[in-house]
Amino acid sequence: MSKKSFVGQRVLFRLEGLRWRNVSYLLLTMIFTLVAFLSQAINADQPSFPRILSLSEALSMIDEDHPDVMMARSQVSLARAEKLALDAQGAVEMHVRLEWRQVDRLVDPSHHFIDDSRATLLIDKPITRFGRDRISNKALNARVAGLFQRELVADSQMRLNVVRAFFDVIVSDYAHAAVDEEMTLSFLAFSRARDRMEEYQEIPEVEVRRLESVYLSLLARRTATADAQRMSRLKLALALNRPDAYPSQVIEPVLSDHQRDMPDYDALFEVVSMKSPEIIAARLEVEEAEQRLTLTSRKFDPTLGLQLQGVNYAERFSGSRDQYRAMVYLDIPIGSALSKKADIETSRIRVLQSKATLQLMEHRLREQVLGLVHRLGQLNSEVNAAKAELLYRELELDKVRLQYEMEVRARIGSANAEVAKALYHQKRMEYERALIWEQIYALSGEESSFFSSEG
């Protein structure tokens, strides 16, 4: 029996022998079929998703305007704007001042007003701040680079959320199929027992009620799994920033690239610690804090600059007026030594905080990588066990089918249900293992095969 299937495809045979008098079951089946049909029809009209969605298509639909990504990019843009403002501080500044003036001079006893208007051009160019611009540039460059790494983290996390949501859709469909088979089997057992009680009085009522309670309990579970199907599709739509349209049918990706040998913890952590965007960002934040501490310690350093001035006067006369003026100036700020000491102490504390944050992140990363490696080992064993269980259930189903042809029908429904449960368990383990590998890829900066082609 082939193990490759599309999500939602039935891998089980239904029991025959349903009687027309079981109107309740027929109505229930018709209602669920109608709801599924209408849901597919509604989703087919939505332009945001294709009728059949693959994982590579879902990843290509990631919205660049997702709130998480927009927030990260806005912070990068803000840091770049601050860098432009810093560069502007050392640029040439030009000011033009136009003055319309009417003056009454003391030397003229008649008190006649004369035109004393003027136009002034002032050019100011700081020559050097004695290294402070270089330090500020280093701090801002570190900040921009760190925020860019944060943006990569947001992008990676968003892609990982899409993969996780896509896997959840597939697993929820398998869970629904398994519970649906079990519910159908329980209903048929209850229906037959009820018929035999009503027509032949062969089965006591207490047994019929017990079978009915089992059926209703499974019906409730089936309703819960149907709700989980819809919820998983909503989460996928939200991960893609398309909350108004749900994906209808999804195609299972091939997980061959995720069936890899177990990674060595020490080797994996060494790679992750060097390539993890979060760790790189934290290291850059330490560098920025150290540069700002150096800048604070030179808060009151002077500024050397050059200033040129040209003035055109409406009234020209000899005296102290200068038409052109050139000046080299040294601007020395004088501030409070106590204020400078407080600023330096604050900057030093920020350096310590950034270093402590980096160490905590490295510790958490060690725990995370070790947890992923251990869980990966467990999942490899669980996947192998699930495959063996599924193979056994399929062989058992083949055996029961042969008996079914010989009019021994009692066990085929149970065998079908066991196959469905085994298939669901195997798929759940396989997709959890694939998600572990996706997390490892995200931590180590490695690109998943899902982003380049359909897996």
Protein backbone atom coordinates (compact mmCIF):
# COMPACT_ATOMS: atom_id res chain seq x y z
CA MET A 1 0.00 0.00 0.00
CA SER A 2 1.49 3.34 -1.05
CA LYS A 3 2.33 5.67 1.83
CA LYS A 4 2.43 8.89 -0.20
CA SER A 5 -0.85 10.75 -0.08
CA PHE A 6 -2.41 14.21 -0.25
CA VAL A 7 -3.80 15.76 2.91
CA GLY A 8 -7.41 14.85 3.49
CA GLN A 9 -7.31 11.88 1.09
CA ARG A 10 -9.00 8.84 2.49
CA VAL A 11 -6.66 5.88 3.02
CA LEU A 12 -9.33 3.74 4.61
CA PHE A 13 -12.31 1.71 3.42
CA ARG A 14 -15.68 2.36 4.97
CA LEU A 15 -17.74 -0.50 6.25
CA GLU A 16 -20.59 -1.56 4.05
CA GLY A 17 -24.05 -2.50 5.23
CA LEU A 18 -25.37 0.93 6.21
CA ARG A 19 -29.12 0.73 6.29
CA TRP A 20 -31.40 3.33 4.84
CA ARG A 21 -33.31 3.63 8.07
CA ASN A 22 -30.27 5.28 9.75
CA VAL A 23 -31.56 8.67 8.76
CA SER A 24 -29.60 10.51 11.43
CA TYR A 25 -26.27 9.27 10.11
CA LEU A 26 -27.20 10.09 6.53
CA LEU A 27 -28.25 13.61 7.50
CA LEU A 28 -25.05 14.10 9.50
CA THR A 29 -22.93 12.94 6.57
CA MET A 30 -24.81 15.20 4.18
CA ILE A 31 -24.37 18.20 6.48
CA PHE A 32 -20.62 17.71 6.84
CA THR A 33 -20.27 17.17 3.09
CA LEU A 34 -22.26 20.32 2.35
CA VAL A 35 -20.21 22.37 4.81
CA ALA A 36 -16.97 21.13 3.27
CA PHE A 37 -18.24 21.88 -0.23
CA LEU A 38 -19.36 25.39 0.68
CA SER A 39 -16.08 26.06 2.48
CA GLN A 40 -14.12 25.03 -0.59
CA ALA A 41 -16.36 27.10 -2.84
CA ILE A 42 -15.95 30.20 -0.67
CA ASN A 43 -12.21 29.81 -0.41
CA ALA A 44 -11.96 29.23 -4.16
CA ASP A 45 -13.33 32.74 -4.71
CA GLN A 46 -10.65 34.31 -2.52
CA PRO A 47 -7.84 35.81 -4.60
CA SER A 48 -5.31 35.57 -1.77
CA PHE A 49 -4.77 31.82 -2.00
CA PRO A 50 -4.65 29.33 -4.86
CA ARG A 51 -7.14 26.48 -4.69
CA ILE A 52 -4.35 24.01 -3.93
CA LEU A 53 -1.49 25.54 -1.92
CA SER A 54 2.04 24.17 -1.76
CA LEU A 55 4.59 25.14 0.87
CA SER A 56 6.89 26.87 -1.61
CA GLU A 57 3.93 28.93 -2.86
CA ALA A 58 3.01 29.82 0.72
CA LEU A 59 6.56 30.98 1.42
CA SER A 60 6.56 33.06 -1.76
CA MET A 61 3.36 34.76 -0.52
CA ILE A 62 4.97 36.13 2.64
CA ASP A 63 3.82 39.71 3.00
CA GLU A 64 6.60 42.28 3.10
CA ASP A 65 4.23 44.53 5.05
CA HIS A 66 3.86 42.08 7.93
CA PRO A 67 3.85 44.06 11.22
CA ASP A 68 6.90 42.25 12.65
CA VAL A 69 9.00 42.93 9.57
CA MET A 70 7.82 46.53 9.29
CA MET A 71 8.80 47.18 12.91
CA ALA A 72 12.30 45.77 12.40
CA ARG A 73 12.82 47.72 9.18
CA SER A 74 11.59 50.95 10.72
CA GLN A 75 14.24 50.65 13.43
CA VAL A 76 16.95 50.11 10.81
CA SER A 77 15.71 53.15 8.87
CA LEU A 78 15.72 55.25 12.05
CA ALA A 79 19.32 54.30 12.81
CA ARG A 80 20.35 55.17 9.27
CA ALA A 81 18.62 58.53 9.62
CA GLU A 82 20.65 59.19 12.78
CA LYS A 83 23.81 58.37 10.84
CA LEU A 84 22.86 60.89 8.16
CA ALA A 85 22.29 63.48 10.88
CA LEU A 86 25.77 62.76 12.26
CA ASP A 87 27.33 63.15 8.82
CA ALA A 88 25.51 66.46 8.45
CA GLN A 89 27.21 67.81 11.58
CA GLY A 90 30.56 67.82 9.78
CA ALA A 91 29.25 69.17 6.50
CA VAL A 92 29.50 72.74 5.23
CA GLU A 93 26.68 74.93 6.52
CA MET A 94 25.60 78.01 4.58
CA HIS A 95 23.29 80.70 5.91
CA VAL A 96 21.88 83.69 4.04
CA ARG A 97 20.45 86.50 6.14
CA LEU A 98 18.51 89.39 4.57
CA GLU A 99 17.81 92.43 6.75
CA TRP A 100 15.64 95.41 5.83
CA ARG A 101 16.74 98.21 8.18
CA GLN A 102 15.81 101.87 8.54
CA VAL A 103 18.08 103.79 10.93
CA ASP A 104 18.32 107.30 12.36
CA ARG A 105 21.96 108.15 12.97
CA LEU A 106 23.11 110.35 15.87
CA VAL A 107 25.35 112.45 13.64
CA ASP A 108 22.32 113.73 11.72
CA PRO A 109 20.34 116.20 13.93
CA SER A 110 17.43 116.27 11.49
CA HIS A 111 16.43 112.74 12.46
CA HIS A 112 16.05 111.54 8.93
CA PHE A 113 15.81 107.75 8.50
CA ILE A 114 18.17 106.19 5.97
CA ASP A 115 18.25 102.75 4.38
CA ASP A 116 20.79 100.54 6.15
CA SER A 117 19.64 97.14 4.76
CA ARG A 118 22.14 94.34 4.25
CA ALA A 119 22.53 90.81 2.91
CA THR A 120 24.85 88.40 4.73
CA LEU A 121 26.27 85.06 3.56
CA LEU A 122 27.82 82.92 6.29
CA ILE A 123 29.74 79.71 5.55
CA ASP A 124 30.67 77.48 8.49
CA LYS A 125 32.72 74.28 8.20
CA PRO A 126 33.81 72.28 11.27
CA ILE A 127 37.29 71.02 10.50
CA THR A 128 37.68 68.47 13.26
CA ARG A 129 36.03 67.33 16.47
CA PHE A 130 39.25 65.55 17.43
CA GLY A 131 38.01 61.99 16.80
CA ARG A 132 34.49 62.23 18.13
CA ASP A 133 32.92 61.93 14.67
CA ARG A 134 34.89 58.75 14.02
CA ILE A 135 33.75 57.24 17.31
CA SER A 136 30.14 58.25 16.70
CA ASN A 137 30.27 56.68 13.23
CA LYS A 138 31.58 53.42 14.69
CA ALA A 139 28.76 53.37 17.23
CA LEU A 140 26.08 54.07 14.63
CA ASN A 141 27.55 51.57 12.17
CA ALA A 142 27.42 48.92 14.88
CA ARG A 143 23.84 49.87 15.66
CA VAL A 144 22.75 49.72 12.02
CA ALA A 145 24.45 46.35 11.54
CA GLY A 146 22.87 45.01 14.73
CA LEU A 147 19.39 46.17 13.73
CA PHE A 148 19.89 44.62 10.30
CA GLN A 149 20.59 41.31 12.06
CA ARG A 150 17.39 41.83 14.07
CA GLU A 151 15.58 42.31 10.78
CA LEU A 152 17.01 39.00 9.57
CA VAL A 153 15.75 37.40 12.78
CA ALA A 154 12.26 38.79 12.15
CA ASP A 155 12.30 37.53 8.55
CA SER A 156 13.53 34.10 9.63
CA GLN A 157 10.96 33.87 12.42
CA MET A 158 8.18 34.83 10.04
CA ARG A 159 9.20 32.13 7.56
CA LEU A 160 9.45 29.63 10.40
CA ASN A 161 5.94 30.58 11.54
CA VAL A 162 4.62 29.95 8.03
CA VAL A 163 6.28 26.52 7.91
CA ARG A 164 4.93 25.66 11.38
CA ALA A 165 1.42 26.79 10.46
CA PHE A 166 1.55 24.88 7.17
CA PHE A 167 2.61 21.70 8.98
CA ASP A 168 -0.18 22.19 11.51
CA VAL A 169 -2.73 22.28 8.68
CA ILE A 170 -1.47 18.94 7.35
CA VAL A 171 -1.35 17.27 10.75
CA SER A 172 -4.82 18.56 11.68
CA ASP A 173 -6.21 17.02 8.50
CA TYR A 174 -4.69 13.64 9.37
CA ALA A 175 -6.01 13.92 12.93
CA HIS A 176 -9.49 14.67 11.61
CA ALA A 177 -9.36 11.72 9.21
CA ALA A 178 -8.32 9.33 12.01
CA VAL A 179 -11.07 10.48 14.39
CA ASP A 180 -13.61 10.41 11.57
CA GLU A 181 -12.86 6.75 10.85
CA GLU A 182 -13.10 5.86 14.52
CA MET A 183 -16.39 7.75 14.86
CA THR A 184 -17.83 6.00 11.80
CA LEU A 185 -16.88 2.62 13.22
CA SER A 186 -18.46 3.42 16.58
CA PHE A 187 -21.65 4.65 14.92
CA LEU A 188 -22.01 1.48 12.89
CA ALA A 189 -21.52 -0.64 16.01
CA PHE A 190 -24.15 1.41 17.83
CA SER A 191 -26.53 1.30 14.86
CA ARG A 192 -26.35 -2.46 14.51
CA ALA A 193 -26.83 -2.98 18.23
CA ARG A 194 -29.83 -0.65 18.24
CA ASP A 195 -31.39 -2.48 15.28
CA ARG A 196 -30.90 -5.86 16.93
CA MET A 197 -32.40 -4.56 20.16
CA GLU A 198 -35.44 -3.03 18.45
CA GLU A 199 -36.12 -5.84 15.98
CA TYR A 200 -34.95 -8.97 17.75
CA GLN A 201 -34.39 -8.00 21.40
CA GLU A 202 -31.02 -9.75 21.22
CA ILE A 203 -28.98 -7.01 22.93
CA PRO A 204 -29.85 -5.37 26.25
CA GLU A 205 -30.58 -1.66 26.25
CA VAL A 206 -27.72 -0.88 28.61
CA GLU A 207 -25.23 -2.15 26.03
CA VAL A 208 -26.88 -0.07 23.31
CA ARG A 209 -26.66 3.03 25.49
CA ARG A 210 -23.01 2.32 26.18
CA LEU A 211 -22.29 2.13 22.45
CA GLU A 212 -24.29 5.31 21.90
CA SER A 213 -22.26 7.18 24.52
CA VAL A 214 -19.02 6.02 22.86
CA TYR A 215 -20.30 7.21 19.50
CA LEU A 216 -21.40 10.61 20.82
CA SER A 217 -18.06 11.07 22.56
CA LEU A 218 -16.22 10.38 19.32
CA LEU A 219 -18.62 12.69 17.47
CA ALA A 220 -17.61 15.46 19.89
CA ARG A 221 -13.94 14.68 19.23
CA ARG A 222 -14.61 14.81 15.50
CA THR A 223 -16.20 18.23 15.91
CA ALA A 224 -13.14 19.38 17.87
CA THR A 225 -10.77 18.15 15.16
CA ALA A 226 -12.87 19.93 12.51
CA ASP A 227 -12.54 23.13 14.56
CA ALA A 228 -8.80 22.50 14.81
CA GLN A 229 -8.66 22.24 11.01
CA ARG A 230 -10.27 25.64 10.62
CA MET A 231 -8.09 27.15 13.33
CA SER A 232 -4.90 25.84 11.72
CA ARG A 233 -5.92 27.43 8.41
CA LEU A 234 -6.62 30.72 10.14
CA LYS A 235 -3.19 30.65 11.76
CA LEU A 236 -1.60 30.03 8.35
CA ALA A 237 -3.56 32.94 6.88
CA LEU A 238 -2.45 35.20 9.75
CA ALA A 239 1.17 34.08 9.36
CA LEU A 240 0.91 35.24 5.74
CA ASN A 241 -0.85 38.47 6.81
CA ARG A 242 -4.00 37.46 4.91
CA PRO A 243 -6.61 37.17 7.69
CA ASP A 244 -9.59 37.52 5.35
CA ALA A 245 -8.93 34.40 3.24
CA TYR A 246 -8.30 30.82 4.35
CA PRO A 247 -6.32 28.24 2.33
CA SER A 248 -8.60 25.42 1.19
CA GLN A 249 -6.37 22.48 0.30
CA VAL A 250 -2.66 22.10 0.92
CA ILE A 251 -0.15 19.72 -0.64
CA GLU A 252 2.22 17.73 1.50
CA PRO A 253 5.86 18.70 0.97
CA VAL A 254 8.56 16.12 0.48
CA LEU A 255 10.65 15.84 3.64
CA SER A 256 13.63 13.99 2.17
CA ASP A 257 16.03 16.87 2.99
CA HIS A 258 14.99 16.63 6.64
CA GLN A 259 15.89 12.96 7.00
CA ARG A 260 19.49 13.69 7.88
CA ASP A 261 22.03 12.23 10.26
CA MET A 262 21.98 13.42 13.83
CA PRO A 263 24.12 16.54 14.27
CA ASP A 264 26.88 16.64 16.86
CA TYR A 265 25.97 19.07 19.63
CA ASP A 266 29.41 20.71 20.01
CA ALA A 267 29.90 21.13 16.27
CA LEU A 268 26.38 22.45 15.80
CA PHE A 269 26.69 24.95 18.65
CA GLU A 270 29.98 26.25 17.26
CA VAL A 271 28.31 26.92 13.91
CA VAL A 272 25.21 28.43 15.48
CA SER A 273 27.18 30.69 17.84
CA MET A 274 29.09 32.10 14.86
CA LYS A 275 26.16 32.49 12.45
CA SER A 276 23.13 33.10 14.65
CA PRO A 277 21.71 36.53 13.73
CA GLU A 278 20.57 37.08 17.32
CA ILE A 279 24.05 36.45 18.73
CA ILE A 280 25.65 38.63 16.06
CA ALA A 281 23.19 41.41 16.89
CA ALA A 282 23.97 41.12 20.61
CA ARG A 283 27.72 41.35 19.93
CA LEU A 284 27.18 44.44 17.82
CA GLU A 285 25.14 45.98 20.63
CA VAL A 286 28.12 45.45 22.97
CA GLU A 287 30.37 47.16 20.44
CA GLU A 288 27.96 50.08 20.14
CA ALA A 289 27.77 50.49 23.91
CA GLU A 290 31.58 50.51 24.20
CA GLN A 291 31.90 53.13 21.49
CA ARG A 292 29.30 55.32 23.18
CA LEU A 293 31.19 55.02 26.46
CA THR A 294 34.32 56.31 24.71
CA LEU A 295 32.30 59.11 23.15
CA THR A 296 30.84 60.12 26.52
CA SER A 297 34.30 60.31 28.08
CA ARG A 298 35.20 62.89 25.41
CA LYS A 299 32.00 64.86 25.81
CA PHE A 300 33.78 68.19 26.45
CA ASP A 301 36.43 67.95 23.74
CA PRO A 302 36.74 71.09 21.57
CA THR A 303 35.70 71.62 17.97
CA LEU A 304 37.98 73.33 15.45
CA GLY A 305 36.26 75.06 12.53
CA LEU A 306 36.47 77.63 9.77
CA GLN A 307 33.95 80.40 9.16
CA LEU A 308 33.66 82.71 6.14
CA GLN A 309 31.36 85.71 5.93
CA GLY A 310 30.43 88.11 3.14
CA VAL A 311 28.10 91.11 3.57
CA ASN A 312 26.58 93.49 1.04
CA TYR A 313 25.43 96.81 2.57
CA ALA A 314 22.85 99.23 1.16
CA GLU A 315 24.80 102.18 2.65
CA ARG A 316 28.55 102.15 2.25
CA PHE A 317 30.82 104.30 4.37
CA SER A 318 34.20 103.94 5.86
CA GLY A 319 34.36 102.62 9.35
CA SER A 320 34.33 99.32 11.19
CA ARG A 321 32.16 97.43 8.71
CA ASP A 322 33.77 94.39 7.09
CA GLN A 323 32.57 93.20 3.71
CA TYR A 324 34.50 89.92 3.89
CA ARG A 325 35.65 88.07 6.97
CA ALA A 326 37.52 84.77 7.52
CA MET A 327 37.85 83.18 10.94
CA VAL A 328 39.34 80.01 12.39
CA TYR A 329 37.67 79.20 15.69
CA LEU A 330 38.13 76.74 18.52
CA ASP A 331 34.87 75.96 20.31
CA ILE A 332 35.56 74.62 23.82
CA PRO A 333 32.43 73.51 25.76
CA ILE A 334 32.60 74.08 29.49
CA GLY A 335 30.34 71.83 31.51
CA SER A 336 30.00 70.31 34.91
CA ALA A 337 32.56 67.66 35.83
CA LEU A 338 29.93 65.97 37.98
CA SER A 339 27.55 65.79 35.02
CA LYS A 340 30.27 64.24 32.87
CA LYS A 341 31.05 61.69 35.57
CA ALA A 342 27.37 60.71 35.80
CA ASP A 343 27.11 60.29 32.03
CA ILE A 344 30.24 58.13 31.95
CA GLU A 345 28.91 55.93 34.75
CA THR A 346 25.59 55.52 32.93
CA SER A 347 27.38 54.52 29.71
CA ARG A 348 29.58 52.07 31.62
CA ILE A 349 26.49 50.41 33.12
CA ARG A 350 25.00 50.06 29.64
CA VAL A 351 28.17 48.30 28.50
CA LEU A 352 27.88 45.87 31.40
CA GLN A 353 24.19 45.30 30.65
CA SER A 354 24.86 44.57 26.98
CA LYS A 355 27.64 42.13 27.88
CA ALA A 356 25.40 40.39 30.40
CA THR A 357 22.63 40.16 27.81
CA LEU A 358 25.07 38.58 25.35
CA GLN A 359 26.17 35.98 27.89
CA LEU A 360 22.57 35.14 28.80
CA MET A 361 21.70 34.73 25.13
CA GLU A 362 24.67 32.40 24.64
CA HIS A 363 23.57 30.33 27.65
CA ARG A 364 19.99 30.12 26.35
CA LEU A 365 21.31 29.23 22.92
CA ARG A 366 23.30 26.34 24.38
CA GLU A 367 20.17 25.04 26.09
CA GLN A 368 18.09 25.52 22.95
CA VAL A 369 20.56 23.72 20.69
CA LEU A 370 20.96 20.87 23.16
CA GLY A 371 17.17 20.57 23.47
CA LEU A 372 16.76 20.50 19.69
CA VAL A 373 19.44 17.82 19.29
CA HIS A 374 17.93 15.64 22.03
CA ARG A 375 14.41 16.06 20.67
CA LEU A 376 15.66 15.24 17.20
CA GLY A 377 17.11 11.98 18.51
CA GLN A 378 13.82 11.12 20.20
CA LEU A 379 11.85 11.91 17.06
CA ASN A 380 14.09 9.73 14.92
CA SER A 381 13.25 6.79 17.20
CA GLU A 382 9.56 7.70 17.29
CA VAL A 383 9.37 8.03 13.51
CA ASN A 384 10.94 4.59 13.07
CA ALA A 385 8.48 3.15 15.57
CA ALA A 386 5.56 4.88 13.83
CA LYS A 387 6.65 3.51 10.45
CA ALA A 388 6.82 0.01 11.88
CA GLU A 389 3.37 0.45 13.42
CA LEU A 390 1.91 1.69 10.14
CA LEU A 391 3.44 -1.20 8.19
CA TYR A 392 1.98 -3.66 10.68
CA ARG A 393 -1.47 -2.03 10.48
CA GLU A 394 -1.40 -2.04 6.69
CA LEU A 395 -0.46 -5.72 6.60
CA GLU A 396 -3.21 -6.42 9.13
CA LEU A 397 -5.68 -4.52 6.96
CA ASP A 398 -4.65 -6.55 3.90
CA LYS A 399 -5.20 -9.70 5.91
CA VAL A 400 -8.63 -8.53 7.04
CA ARG A 401 -9.58 -7.61 3.48
CA LEU A 402 -8.89 -11.18 2.40
CA GLN A 403 -11.14 -12.36 5.20
CA TYR A 404 -13.71 -9.77 4.14
CA GLU A 405 -13.88 -11.40 0.73
CA MET A 406 -14.63 -14.64 2.54
CA GLU A 407 -17.60 -13.00 4.32
CA VAL A 408 -15.74 -12.35 7.55
CA ARG A 409 -16.55 -8.64 7.92
CA ALA A 410 -16.35 -7.89 11.61
CA ARG A 411 -12.75 -6.62 11.79
CA ILE A 412 -12.24 -4.54 8.66
CA GLY A 413 -13.61 -1.33 10.17
CA SER A 414 -11.38 -1.65 13.21
CA ALA A 415 -8.38 -2.33 10.98
CA ASN A 416 -9.16 0.75 8.90
CA ALA A 417 -9.33 2.91 12.03
CA GLU A 418 -6.03 1.54 13.32
CA VAL A 419 -4.35 2.31 10.00
CA ALA A 420 -5.68 5.87 10.12
CA LYS A 421 -4.39 6.38 13.67
CA ALA A 422 -0.99 4.91 12.80
CA LEU A 423 -0.72 7.14 9.73
CA TYR A 424 -1.63 10.22 11.77
CA HIS A 425 0.94 9.34 14.42
CA GLN A 426 3.67 8.84 11.82
CA LYS A 427 2.89 12.10 10.03
CA ARG A 428 2.82 14.04 13.29
CA MET A 429 6.26 12.73 14.23
CA GLU A 430 7.71 13.36 10.75
CA TYR A 431 6.49 16.94 10.60
CA GLU A 432 7.67 17.67 14.12
CA ARG A 433 11.10 16.37 13.14
CA ALA A 434 11.09 18.52 10.01
CA LEU A 435 10.18 21.55 12.13
CA ILE A 436 13.14 20.83 14.43
CA TRP A 437 15.42 20.93 11.40
CA GLU A 438 13.82 24.19 10.27
CA GLN A 439 14.62 25.69 13.68
CA ILE A 440 18.21 24.52 13.35
CA TYR A 441 18.41 26.10 9.90
CA ALA A 442 17.06 29.37 11.29
CA LEU A 443 19.59 29.41 14.15
CA SER A 444 22.57 28.57 11.96
CA GLY A 445 21.62 30.91 9.12
CA GLU A 446 21.23 28.00 6.71
CA GLU A 447 18.52 28.27 4.05
CA SER A 448 15.89 25.55 3.94
CA SER A 449 15.14 23.74 0.69
CA PHE A 450 11.52 24.91 1.04
CA PHE A 451 12.57 28.46 0.13
CA SER A 452 14.04 27.54 -3.24
CA SER A 453 11.88 24.69 -4.50
CA GLU A 454 8.94 22.60 -3.47
CA GLY A 455 9.99 20.11 -0.87
